[in-house]
PDB file of N, CA and C in Angstrom:
ATOM      1  N   UNK A   1     -20.158  66.356  33.811  1.00  0.00           N
ATOM      2  CA  UNK A   1     -20.613  65.008  33.497  1.00  0.00           C
ATOM      3  C   UNK A   1     -20.226  64.102  34.673  1.00  0.00           C
ATOM      4  N   UNK A   2     -21.216  63.455  35.221  1.00  0.00           N
ATOM      5  CA  UNK A   2     -20.910  62.594  36.358  1.00  0.00           C
ATOM      6  C   UNK A   2     -20.844  61.127  35.931  1.00  0.00           C
ATOM      7  N   UNK A   3     -20.432  60.281  36.845  1.00  0.00           N
ATOM      8  CA  UNK A   3     -20.223  58.864  36.539  1.00  0.00           C
ATOM      9  C   UNK A   3     -21.524  58.160  36.188  1.00  0.00           C
ATOM     10  N   UNK A   4     -22.637  58.610  36.718  1.00  0.00           N
ATOM     11  CA  UNK A   4     -23.916  57.981  36.408  1.00  0.00           C
ATOM     12  C   UNK A   4     -24.267  58.162  34.939  1.00  0.00           C
ATOM     13  N   UNK A   5     -24.023  59.342  34.416  1.00  0.00           N
ATOM     14  CA  UNK A   5     -24.296  59.606  33.012  1.00  0.00           C
ATOM     15  C   UNK A   5     -23.407  58.756  32.114  1.00  0.00           C
ATOM     16  N   UNK A   6     -22.163  58.619  32.490  1.00  0.00           N
ATOM     17  CA  UNK A   6     -21.254  57.775  31.711  1.00  0.00           C
ATOM     18  C   UNK A   6     -21.743  56.331  31.726  1.00  0.00           C
ATOM     19  N   UNK A   7     -22.139  55.856  32.883  1.00  0.00           N
ATOM     20  CA  UNK A   7     -22.612  54.478  32.990  1.00  0.00           C
ATOM     21  C   UNK A   7     -23.903  54.232  32.244  1.00  0.00           C
ATOM     22  N   UNK A   8     -24.752  55.242  32.154  1.00  0.00           N
ATOM     23  CA  UNK A   8     -26.054  55.058  31.521  1.00  0.00           C
ATOM     24  C   UNK A   8     -26.040  55.299  30.021  1.00  0.00           C
ATOM     25  N   UNK A   9     -25.100  56.069  29.527  1.00  0.00           N
ATOM     26  CA  UNK A   9     -25.093  56.390  28.097  1.00  0.00           C
ATOM     27  C   UNK A   9     -23.907  55.809  27.337  1.00  0.00           C
ATOM     28  N   UNK A  10     -22.733  56.024  27.834  1.00  0.00           N
ATOM     29  CA  UNK A  10     -21.534  55.668  27.088  1.00  0.00           C
ATOM     30  C   UNK A  10     -21.306  54.166  27.066  1.00  0.00           C
ATOM     31  N   UNK A  11     -21.409  53.510  28.192  1.00  0.00           N
ATOM     32  CA  UNK A  11     -21.130  52.081  28.259  1.00  0.00           C
ATOM     33  C   UNK A  11     -22.105  51.247  27.417  1.00  0.00           C
ATOM     34  N   UNK A  12     -23.411  51.459  27.505  1.00  0.00           N
ATOM     35  CA  UNK A  12     -24.313  50.708  26.620  1.00  0.00           C
ATOM     36  C   UNK A  12     -24.116  51.052  25.142  1.00  0.00           C
ATOM     37  N   UNK A  13     -23.791  52.296  24.855  1.00  0.00           N
ATOM     38  CA  UNK A  13     -23.529  52.675  23.466  1.00  0.00           C
ATOM     39  C   UNK A  13     -22.303  51.940  22.943  1.00  0.00           C
ATOM     40  N   UNK A  14     -21.273  51.847  23.748  1.00  0.00           N
ATOM     41  CA  UNK A  14     -20.072  51.108  23.356  1.00  0.00           C
ATOM     42  C   UNK A  14     -20.397  49.637  23.131  1.00  0.00           C
ATOM     43  N   UNK A  15     -21.239  49.064  23.979  1.00  0.00           N
ATOM     44  CA  UNK A  15     -21.612  47.657  23.834  1.00  0.00           C
ATOM     45  C   UNK A  15     -22.367  47.433  22.524  1.00  0.00           C
ATOM     46  N   UNK A  16     -23.229  48.365  22.142  1.00  0.00           N
ATOM     47  CA  UNK A  16     -23.969  48.234  20.883  1.00  0.00           C
ATOM     48  C   UNK A  16     -23.021  48.343  19.695  1.00  0.00           C
ATOM     49  N   UNK A  17     -22.077  49.268  19.769  1.00  0.00           N
ATOM     50  CA  UNK A  17     -21.098  49.405  18.680  1.00  0.00           C
ATOM     51  C   UNK A  17     -20.261  48.137  18.545  1.00  0.00           C
ATOM     52  N   UNK A  18     -19.833  47.579  19.653  1.00  0.00           N
ATOM     53  CA  UNK A  18     -19.049  46.337  19.616  1.00  0.00           C
ATOM     54  C   UNK A  18     -19.884  45.199  19.042  1.00  0.00           C
ATOM     55  N   UNK A  19     -21.171  45.149  19.370  1.00  0.00           N
ATOM     56  CA  UNK A  19     -22.043  44.105  18.834  1.00  0.00           C
ATOM     57  C   UNK A  19     -22.178  44.229  17.326  1.00  0.00           C
ATOM     58  N   UNK A  20     -22.335  45.436  16.813  1.00  0.00           N
ATOM     59  CA  UNK A  20     -22.473  45.638  15.364  1.00  0.00           C
ATOM     60  C   UNK A  20     -21.174  45.283  14.646  1.00  0.00           C
ATOM     61  N   UNK A  21     -20.056  45.726  15.187  1.00  0.00           N
ATOM     62  CA  UNK A  21     -18.763  45.392  14.575  1.00  0.00           C
ATOM     63  C   UNK A  21     -18.518  43.885  14.639  1.00  0.00           C
ATOM     64  N   UNK A  22     -18.880  43.263  15.747  1.00  0.00           N
ATOM     65  CA  UNK A  22     -18.722  41.812  15.882  1.00  0.00           C
ATOM     66  C   UNK A  22     -19.575  41.070  14.867  1.00  0.00           C
ATOM     67  N   UNK A  23     -20.797  41.548  14.634  1.00  0.00           N
ATOM     68  CA  UNK A  23     -21.661  40.896  13.657  1.00  0.00           C
ATOM     69  C   UNK A  23     -21.056  40.975  12.257  1.00  0.00           C
ATOM     70  N   UNK A  24     -20.558  42.163  11.897  1.00  0.00           N
ATOM     71  CA  UNK A  24     -19.965  42.313  10.568  1.00  0.00           C
ATOM     72  C   UNK A  24     -18.715  41.461  10.403  1.00  0.00           C
ATOM     73  N   UNK A  25     -17.885  41.392  11.427  1.00  0.00           N
ATOM     74  CA  UNK A  25     -16.716  40.520  11.364  1.00  0.00           C
ATOM     75  C   UNK A  25     -17.132  39.054  11.398  1.00  0.00           C
ATOM     76  N   UNK A  26     -18.166  38.743  12.173  1.00  0.00           N
ATOM     77  CA  UNK A  26     -18.631  37.368  12.286  1.00  0.00           C
ATOM     78  C   UNK A  26     -19.186  36.812  10.988  1.00  0.00           C
ATOM     79  N   UNK A  27     -19.761  37.680  10.154  1.00  0.00           N
ATOM     80  CA  UNK A  27     -20.269  37.217   8.859  1.00  0.00           C
ATOM     81  C   UNK A  27     -19.134  36.723   7.970  1.00  0.00           C
ATOM     82  N   UNK A  28     -17.989  37.364   8.065  1.00  0.00           N
ATOM     83  CA  UNK A  28     -16.849  36.978   7.236  1.00  0.00           C
ATOM     84  C   UNK A  28     -15.998  35.874   7.847  1.00  0.00           C
ATOM     85  N   UNK A  29     -15.960  35.814   9.164  1.00  0.00           N
ATOM     86  CA  UNK A  29     -14.957  34.981   9.804  1.00  0.00           C
ATOM     87  C   UNK A  29     -15.500  33.778  10.567  1.00  0.00           C
ATOM     88  N   UNK A  30     -16.828  33.682  10.724  1.00  0.00           N
ATOM     89  CA  UNK A  30     -17.408  32.543  11.437  1.00  0.00           C
ATOM     90  C   UNK A  30     -18.650  32.059  10.695  1.00  0.00           C
ATOM     91  N   UNK A  31     -19.175  30.947  11.163  1.00  0.00           N
ATOM     92  CA  UNK A  31     -20.419  30.430  10.594  1.00  0.00           C
ATOM     93  C   UNK A  31     -21.626  30.809  11.436  1.00  0.00           C
ATOM     94  N   UNK A  32     -21.407  31.489  12.566  1.00  0.00           N
ATOM     95  CA  UNK A  32     -22.513  31.889  13.437  1.00  0.00           C
ATOM     96  C   UNK A  32     -22.363  33.359  13.854  1.00  0.00           C
ATOM     97  N   UNK A  33     -22.676  34.289  12.946  1.00  0.00           N
ATOM     98  CA  UNK A  33     -22.466  35.703  13.264  1.00  0.00           C
ATOM     99  C   UNK A  33     -23.380  36.246  14.364  1.00  0.00           C
ATOM    100  N   UNK A  34     -24.554  35.670  14.534  1.00  0.00           N
ATOM    101  CA  UNK A  34     -25.462  36.161  15.572  1.00  0.00           C
ATOM    102  C   UNK A  34     -24.892  35.845  16.957  1.00  0.00           C
ATOM    103  N   UNK A  35     -24.363  34.650  17.126  1.00  0.00           N
ATOM    104  CA  UNK A  35     -23.749  34.283  18.407  1.00  0.00           C
ATOM    105  C   UNK A  35     -22.524  35.155  18.681  1.00  0.00           C
ATOM    106  N   UNK A  36     -21.744  35.431  17.655  1.00  0.00           N
ATOM    107  CA  UNK A  36     -20.577  36.299  17.801  1.00  0.00           C
ATOM    108  C   UNK A  36     -21.016  37.708  18.212  1.00  0.00           C
ATOM    109  N   UNK A  37     -22.117  38.181  17.642  1.00  0.00           N
ATOM    110  CA  UNK A  37     -22.632  39.507  17.965  1.00  0.00           C
ATOM    111  C   UNK A  37     -23.137  39.584  19.404  1.00  0.00           C
ATOM    112  N   UNK A  38     -23.846  38.565  19.849  1.00  0.00           N
ATOM    113  CA  UNK A  38     -24.350  38.542  21.229  1.00  0.00           C
ATOM    114  C   UNK A  38     -23.188  38.522  22.218  1.00  0.00           C
ATOM    115  N   UNK A  39     -22.196  37.707  21.938  1.00  0.00           N
ATOM    116  CA  UNK A  39     -21.017  37.667  22.796  1.00  0.00           C
ATOM    117  C   UNK A  39     -20.296  39.017  22.785  1.00  0.00           C
ATOM    118  N   UNK A  40     -20.231  39.648  21.621  1.00  0.00           N
ATOM    119  CA  UNK A  40     -19.618  40.966  21.526  1.00  0.00           C
ATOM    120  C   UNK A  40     -20.364  42.008  22.333  1.00  0.00           C
ATOM    121  N   UNK A  41     -21.697  41.932  22.355  1.00  0.00           N
ATOM    122  CA  UNK A  41     -22.474  42.885  23.150  1.00  0.00           C
ATOM    123  C   UNK A  41     -22.156  42.755  24.631  1.00  0.00           C
ATOM    124  N   UNK A  42     -22.159  41.532  25.136  1.00  0.00           N
ATOM    125  CA  UNK A  42     -21.911  41.350  26.567  1.00  0.00           C
ATOM    126  C   UNK A  42     -20.465  41.682  26.932  1.00  0.00           C
ATOM    127  N   UNK A  43     -19.529  41.367  26.044  1.00  0.00           N
ATOM    128  CA  UNK A  43     -18.154  41.752  26.320  1.00  0.00           C
ATOM    129  C   UNK A  43     -17.968  43.263  26.169  1.00  0.00           C
ATOM    130  N   UNK A  44     -18.848  43.919  25.415  1.00  0.00           N
ATOM    131  CA  UNK A  44     -18.792  45.366  25.270  1.00  0.00           C
ATOM    132  C   UNK A  44     -19.108  46.097  26.558  1.00  0.00           C
ATOM    133  N   UNK A  45     -19.712  45.427  27.507  1.00  0.00           N
ATOM    134  CA  UNK A  45     -19.982  46.031  28.809  1.00  0.00           C
ATOM    135  C   UNK A  45     -18.719  46.125  29.659  1.00  0.00           C
ATOM    136  N   UNK A  46     -17.682  45.383  29.258  1.00  0.00           N
ATOM    137  CA  UNK A  46     -16.370  45.445  29.909  1.00  0.00           C
ATOM    138  C   UNK A  46     -15.364  45.824  28.811  1.00  0.00           C
ATOM    139  N   UNK A  47     -15.121  47.110  28.609  1.00  0.00           N
ATOM    140  CA  UNK A  47     -14.357  47.574  27.447  1.00  0.00           C
ATOM    141  C   UNK A  47     -12.996  46.911  27.198  1.00  0.00           C
ATOM    142  N   UNK A  48     -12.164  46.631  28.203  1.00  0.00           N
ATOM    143  CA  UNK A  48     -10.898  45.957  27.875  1.00  0.00           C
ATOM    144  C   UNK A  48     -11.105  44.577  27.253  1.00  0.00           C
ATOM    145  N   UNK A  49     -12.082  43.836  27.762  1.00  0.00           N
ATOM    146  CA  UNK A  49     -12.372  42.518  27.186  1.00  0.00           C
ATOM    147  C   UNK A  49     -12.933  42.658  25.777  1.00  0.00           C
ATOM    148  N   UNK A  50     -13.733  43.685  25.539  1.00  0.00           N
ATOM    149  CA  UNK A  50     -14.299  43.909  24.214  1.00  0.00           C
ATOM    150  C   UNK A  50     -13.215  44.203  23.191  1.00  0.00           C
ATOM    151  N   UNK A  51     -12.237  44.999  23.582  1.00  0.00           N
ATOM    152  CA  UNK A  51     -11.156  45.316  22.658  1.00  0.00           C
ATOM    153  C   UNK A  51     -10.310  44.089  22.340  1.00  0.00           C
ATOM    154  N   UNK A  52     -10.046  43.268  23.340  1.00  0.00           N
ATOM    155  CA  UNK A  52      -9.314  42.019  23.107  1.00  0.00           C
ATOM    156  C   UNK A  52     -10.112  41.104  22.185  1.00  0.00           C
ATOM    157  N   UNK A  53     -11.415  41.019  22.405  1.00  0.00           N
ATOM    158  CA  UNK A  53     -12.302  40.192  21.575  1.00  0.00           C
ATOM    159  C   UNK A  53     -12.287  40.658  20.120  1.00  0.00           C
ATOM    160  N   UNK A  54     -12.355  41.960  19.907  1.00  0.00           N
ATOM    161  CA  UNK A  54     -12.341  42.487  18.544  1.00  0.00           C
ATOM    162  C   UNK A  54     -10.997  42.239  17.859  1.00  0.00           C
ATOM    163  N   UNK A  55      -9.913  42.346  18.601  1.00  0.00           N
ATOM    164  CA  UNK A  55      -8.595  42.066  18.025  1.00  0.00           C
ATOM    165  C   UNK A  55      -8.508  40.602  17.602  1.00  0.00           C
ATOM    166  N   UNK A  56      -9.021  39.703  18.435  1.00  0.00           N
ATOM    167  CA  UNK A  56      -9.009  38.275  18.091  1.00  0.00           C
ATOM    168  C   UNK A  56      -9.850  38.029  16.835  1.00  0.00           C
ATOM    169  N   UNK A  57     -11.000  38.681  16.739  1.00  0.00           N
ATOM    170  CA  UNK A  57     -11.838  38.510  15.550  1.00  0.00           C
ATOM    171  C   UNK A  57     -11.166  39.061  14.300  1.00  0.00           C
ATOM    172  N   UNK A  58     -10.520  40.186  14.414  1.00  0.00           N
ATOM    173  CA  UNK A  58      -9.851  40.774  13.254  1.00  0.00           C
ATOM    174  C   UNK A  58      -8.711  39.877  12.779  1.00  0.00           C
ATOM    175  N   UNK A  59      -7.990  39.280  13.706  1.00  0.00           N
ATOM    176  CA  UNK A  59      -6.848  38.443  13.344  1.00  0.00           C
ATOM    177  C   UNK A  59      -7.242  37.045  12.886  1.00  0.00           C
ATOM    178  N   UNK A  60      -8.469  36.642  13.126  1.00  0.00           N
ATOM    179  CA  UNK A  60      -8.944  35.321  12.717  1.00  0.00           C
ATOM    180  C   UNK A  60      -9.042  35.262  11.195  1.00  0.00           C
ATOM    181  N   UNK A  61      -8.701  34.125  10.619  1.00  0.00           N
ATOM    182  CA  UNK A  61      -8.781  33.964   9.172  1.00  0.00           C
ATOM    183  C   UNK A  61     -10.225  33.941   8.701  1.00  0.00           C
ATOM    184  N   UNK A  62     -10.466  34.464   7.488  1.00  0.00           N
ATOM    185  CA  UNK A  62     -11.798  34.402   6.890  1.00  0.00           C
ATOM    186  C   UNK A  62     -12.144  32.961   6.573  1.00  0.00           C
ATOM    187  N   UNK A  63     -13.436  32.645   6.648  1.00  0.00           N
ATOM    188  CA  UNK A  63     -13.856  31.299   6.284  1.00  0.00           C
ATOM    189  C   UNK A  63     -13.931  31.206   4.762  1.00  0.00           C
ATOM    190  N   UNK A  64     -13.712  30.025   4.259  1.00  0.00           N
ATOM    191  CA  UNK A  64     -13.777  29.793   2.822  1.00  0.00           C
ATOM    192  C   UNK A  64     -15.102  29.118   2.528  1.00  0.00           C
ATOM    193  N   UNK A  65     -15.928  29.795   1.745  1.00  0.00           N
ATOM    194  CA  UNK A  65     -17.214  29.220   1.385  1.00  0.00           C
ATOM    195  C   UNK A  65     -17.049  28.366   0.135  1.00  0.00           C
ATOM    196  N   UNK A  66     -17.630  27.178   0.129  1.00  0.00           N
ATOM    197  CA  UNK A  66     -17.513  26.335  -1.065  1.00  0.00           C
ATOM    198  C   UNK A  66     -18.282  26.931  -2.229  1.00  0.00           C
ATOM    199  N   UNK A  67     -17.771  26.704  -3.415  1.00  0.00           N
ATOM    200  CA  UNK A  67     -18.417  27.207  -4.626  1.00  0.00           C
ATOM    201  C   UNK A  67     -19.544  26.257  -5.006  1.00  0.00           C
ATOM    202  N   UNK A  68     -20.785  26.699  -4.824  1.00  0.00           N
ATOM    203  CA  UNK A  68     -21.940  25.853  -5.103  1.00  0.00           C
ATOM    204  C   UNK A  68     -22.529  26.090  -6.486  1.00  0.00           C
ATOM    205  N   UNK A  69     -21.884  26.901  -7.299  1.00  0.00           N
ATOM    206  CA  UNK A  69     -22.410  27.212  -8.617  1.00  0.00           C
ATOM    207  C   UNK A  69     -21.910  26.158  -9.600  1.00  0.00           C
ATOM    208  N   UNK A  70     -22.725  25.122  -9.826  1.00  0.00           N
ATOM    209  CA  UNK A  70     -22.335  24.015 -10.685  1.00  0.00           C
ATOM    210  C   UNK A  70     -22.455  24.362 -12.171  1.00  0.00           C
ATOM    211  N   UNK A  71     -23.134  25.473 -12.482  1.00  0.00           N
ATOM    212  CA  UNK A  71     -23.319  25.836 -13.890  1.00  0.00           C
ATOM    213  C   UNK A  71     -22.031  26.370 -14.523  1.00  0.00           C
ATOM    214  N   UNK A  72     -21.090  26.805 -13.711  1.00  0.00           N
ATOM    215  CA  UNK A  72     -19.856  27.338 -14.262  1.00  0.00           C
ATOM    216  C   UNK A  72     -18.751  26.277 -14.324  1.00  0.00           C
ATOM    217  N   UNK A  73     -19.095  25.058 -14.075  1.00  0.00           N
ATOM    218  CA  UNK A  73     -18.119  23.980 -14.060  1.00  0.00           C
ATOM    219  C   UNK A  73     -17.676  23.658 -15.484  1.00  0.00           C
ATOM    220  N   UNK A  74     -16.386  23.436 -15.678  1.00  0.00           N
ATOM    221  CA  UNK A  74     -15.868  23.030 -16.990  1.00  0.00           C
ATOM    222  C   UNK A  74     -16.073  21.537 -17.165  1.00  0.00           C
ATOM    223  N   UNK A  75     -16.904  21.166 -18.106  1.00  0.00           N
ATOM    224  CA  UNK A  75     -17.214  19.746 -18.311  1.00  0.00           C
ATOM    225  C   UNK A  75     -16.629  19.282 -19.615  1.00  0.00           C
TER     226      UNK A  75
END
């Protein structure tokens, strides 16, 4: 296996995996998961930065969604 094969297959595959994981984390932890996913893809092209990015996302607190179901309100 030469370096060209690694550059053409492994690195883009890693970037796609980081983008998918970023999107799933972004749905829970941010209000803009698509932007988080795009940033994750580009950072996935530089694996050390991608790993740092994923650690930051994992450690970020989940967002709290307001309860919009007014029918369950105690009146």
